[in-house]
């Protein structure tokens, strides 16, 4: 499972990098800002999932008992 969390972390970092490198205002600003937001969201989710005990917390949140 750690591989997938690490993959999400790398995708998030890549999306933020692409979003920051696209400084062209004439292009769609919505796409750039959404890439940035999704990148930050991916990084936060992956870092939370790397914490010990996160699988139990997710099971409780999703009611998978």
N, C-alpha and C. Protein backbone atom coordinates (compact mmCIF):
# COMPACT_ATOMS: atom_id res chain seq x y z
N UNK A 1 0.82 -1.20 0.00
CA UNK A 1 0.00 0.00 0.00
C UNK A 1 0.86 1.26 0.00
N UNK A 2 2.02 1.18 0.61
CA UNK A 2 2.88 2.35 0.67
C UNK A 2 3.29 2.83 -0.71
N UNK A 3 3.41 1.90 -1.65
CA UNK A 3 3.76 2.27 -3.02
C UNK A 3 2.72 3.20 -3.62
N UNK A 4 1.45 2.88 -3.40
CA UNK A 4 0.37 3.69 -3.98
C UNK A 4 0.31 5.06 -3.34
N UNK A 5 0.56 5.14 -2.02
CA UNK A 5 0.57 6.44 -1.35
C UNK A 5 1.73 7.27 -1.85
N UNK A 6 2.88 6.62 -2.08
CA UNK A 6 4.03 7.32 -2.61
C UNK A 6 3.77 7.79 -4.03
N UNK A 7 3.08 6.98 -4.81
CA UNK A 7 2.73 7.36 -6.17
C UNK A 7 1.79 8.57 -6.18
N UNK A 8 0.81 8.59 -5.28
CA UNK A 8 -0.09 9.74 -5.16
C UNK A 8 0.70 10.99 -4.77
N UNK A 9 1.68 10.83 -3.87
CA UNK A 9 2.52 11.96 -3.46
C UNK A 9 3.29 12.51 -4.65
N UNK A 10 3.87 11.63 -5.46
CA UNK A 10 4.63 12.10 -6.63
C UNK A 10 3.74 12.75 -7.67
N UNK A 11 2.54 12.20 -7.87
CA UNK A 11 1.60 12.82 -8.82
C UNK A 11 1.21 14.21 -8.33
N UNK A 12 0.98 14.35 -7.03
CA UNK A 12 0.64 15.65 -6.48
C UNK A 12 1.75 16.66 -6.66
N UNK A 13 2.99 16.23 -6.43
CA UNK A 13 4.13 17.13 -6.61
C UNK A 13 4.27 17.52 -8.08
N UNK A 14 4.06 16.55 -8.97
CA UNK A 14 4.15 16.85 -10.40
C UNK A 14 3.06 17.83 -10.83
N UNK A 15 1.84 17.65 -10.33
CA UNK A 15 0.76 18.57 -10.69
C UNK A 15 1.04 19.99 -10.20
N UNK A 16 1.60 20.10 -9.00
CA UNK A 16 1.94 21.43 -8.49
C UNK A 16 3.04 22.06 -9.34
N UNK A 17 4.04 21.26 -9.72
CA UNK A 17 5.13 21.78 -10.54
C UNK A 17 4.61 22.25 -11.89
N UNK A 18 3.75 21.47 -12.52
CA UNK A 18 3.18 21.87 -13.81
C UNK A 18 2.32 23.12 -13.64
N UNK A 19 1.56 23.16 -12.57
CA UNK A 19 0.72 24.33 -12.32
C UNK A 19 1.52 25.60 -12.08
N UNK A 20 2.67 25.46 -11.42
CA UNK A 20 3.50 26.63 -11.16
C UNK A 20 4.29 27.05 -12.39
N UNK A 21 4.64 26.12 -13.26
CA UNK A 21 5.41 26.46 -14.45
C UNK A 21 4.54 27.08 -15.53
N UNK A 22 3.25 26.84 -15.51
CA UNK A 22 2.34 27.43 -16.48
C UNK A 22 1.97 28.84 -16.04
N UNK A 23 2.77 29.81 -16.45
CA UNK A 23 2.51 31.20 -16.05
C UNK A 23 1.82 31.98 -17.15
N UNK A 24 1.39 31.28 -18.18
CA UNK A 24 0.73 31.91 -19.30
C UNK A 24 -0.70 32.27 -18.92
N UNK A 25 -1.00 33.55 -18.82
CA UNK A 25 -2.34 33.98 -18.40
C UNK A 25 -3.36 33.79 -19.51
N UNK A 26 -2.92 33.71 -20.75
CA UNK A 26 -3.86 33.57 -21.85
C UNK A 26 -4.43 32.14 -21.91
N UNK A 27 -3.72 31.18 -21.34
CA UNK A 27 -4.25 29.82 -21.28
C UNK A 27 -5.31 29.75 -20.20
N UNK A 28 -5.96 28.63 -20.16
CA UNK A 28 -7.07 28.47 -19.23
C UNK A 28 -6.55 28.51 -17.79
N UNK A 29 -6.92 29.54 -17.07
CA UNK A 29 -6.49 29.70 -15.70
C UNK A 29 -7.17 28.66 -14.79
N UNK A 30 -8.37 28.25 -15.18
CA UNK A 30 -9.07 27.24 -14.39
C UNK A 30 -8.30 25.93 -14.35
N UNK A 31 -7.75 25.52 -15.47
CA UNK A 31 -7.02 24.25 -15.53
C UNK A 31 -5.78 24.31 -14.66
N UNK A 32 -5.05 25.41 -14.72
CA UNK A 32 -3.83 25.56 -13.93
C UNK A 32 -4.16 25.57 -12.44
N UNK A 33 -5.20 26.30 -12.06
CA UNK A 33 -5.55 26.35 -10.64
C UNK A 33 -6.09 25.02 -10.16
N UNK A 34 -6.83 24.30 -10.99
CA UNK A 34 -7.33 22.99 -10.59
C UNK A 34 -6.19 21.98 -10.44
N UNK A 35 -5.17 22.06 -11.32
CA UNK A 35 -4.01 21.18 -11.18
C UNK A 35 -3.30 21.47 -9.86
N UNK A 36 -3.20 22.73 -9.51
CA UNK A 36 -2.54 23.11 -8.27
C UNK A 36 -3.34 22.60 -7.07
N UNK A 37 -4.65 22.78 -7.08
CA UNK A 37 -5.50 22.34 -5.97
C UNK A 37 -5.49 20.82 -5.85
N UNK A 38 -5.62 20.12 -6.97
CA UNK A 38 -5.60 18.66 -6.93
C UNK A 38 -4.24 18.14 -6.48
N UNK A 39 -3.18 18.81 -6.90
CA UNK A 39 -1.84 18.43 -6.45
C UNK A 39 -1.68 18.56 -4.95
N UNK A 40 -2.14 19.67 -4.39
CA UNK A 40 -2.07 19.86 -2.94
C UNK A 40 -2.93 18.81 -2.23
N UNK A 41 -4.10 18.54 -2.76
CA UNK A 41 -4.98 17.53 -2.17
C UNK A 41 -4.33 16.15 -2.19
N UNK A 42 -3.70 15.78 -3.30
CA UNK A 42 -3.02 14.49 -3.40
C UNK A 42 -1.89 14.39 -2.38
N UNK A 43 -1.12 15.47 -2.22
CA UNK A 43 -0.01 15.46 -1.27
C UNK A 43 -0.52 15.30 0.15
N UNK A 44 -1.57 16.03 0.50
CA UNK A 44 -2.12 15.94 1.86
C UNK A 44 -2.67 14.54 2.13
N UNK A 45 -3.40 13.98 1.18
CA UNK A 45 -3.96 12.64 1.36
C UNK A 45 -2.85 11.61 1.53
N UNK A 46 -1.83 11.69 0.69
CA UNK A 46 -0.77 10.69 0.79
C UNK A 46 0.01 10.82 2.09
N UNK A 47 0.25 12.05 2.55
CA UNK A 47 0.96 12.22 3.82
C UNK A 47 0.12 11.73 5.00
N UNK A 48 -1.18 11.93 4.94
CA UNK A 48 -2.06 11.42 6.00
C UNK A 48 -2.04 9.89 6.00
N UNK A 49 -2.07 9.30 4.82
CA UNK A 49 -2.10 7.85 4.73
C UNK A 49 -0.78 7.21 5.14
N UNK A 50 0.33 7.95 5.11
CA UNK A 50 1.60 7.43 5.57
C UNK A 50 1.68 7.37 7.10
N UNK A 51 0.81 8.08 7.81
CA UNK A 51 0.85 8.08 9.26
C UNK A 51 0.46 6.71 9.81
N UNK A 52 1.07 6.33 10.94
CA UNK A 52 0.68 5.04 11.54
C UNK A 52 -0.76 5.10 12.06
N UNK A 53 -1.49 4.04 11.84
CA UNK A 53 -2.88 3.97 12.29
C UNK A 53 -3.87 4.60 11.35
N UNK A 54 -3.42 5.05 10.19
CA UNK A 54 -4.34 5.72 9.27
C UNK A 54 -5.34 4.75 8.65
N UNK A 55 -4.96 3.49 8.52
CA UNK A 55 -5.89 2.52 7.93
C UNK A 55 -7.09 2.28 8.86
N UNK A 56 -6.85 2.29 10.17
CA UNK A 56 -7.96 2.14 11.11
C UNK A 56 -8.88 3.35 11.09
N UNK A 57 -8.30 4.53 10.97
CA UNK A 57 -9.10 5.75 10.91
C UNK A 57 -9.95 5.76 9.65
N UNK A 58 -9.37 5.36 8.52
CA UNK A 58 -10.13 5.31 7.27
C UNK A 58 -11.23 4.27 7.33
N UNK A 59 -10.96 3.15 7.96
CA UNK A 59 -11.98 2.10 8.09
C UNK A 59 -13.14 2.60 8.93
N UNK A 60 -12.87 3.37 9.97
CA UNK A 60 -13.94 3.94 10.78
C UNK A 60 -14.71 5.00 10.03
N UNK A 61 -14.02 5.83 9.27
CA UNK A 61 -14.69 6.88 8.52
C UNK A 61 -15.59 6.30 7.43
N UNK A 62 -15.12 5.24 6.78
CA UNK A 62 -15.89 4.62 5.70
C UNK A 62 -16.80 3.52 6.21
N UNK A 63 -16.81 3.29 7.50
CA UNK A 63 -17.64 2.29 8.16
C UNK A 63 -17.46 0.90 7.55
N UNK A 64 -16.18 0.47 7.50
CA UNK A 64 -15.86 -0.82 6.92
C UNK A 64 -15.62 -1.87 8.00
N UNK A 65 -16.17 -1.69 9.17
CA UNK A 65 -15.94 -2.64 10.27
C UNK A 65 -16.54 -3.96 9.97
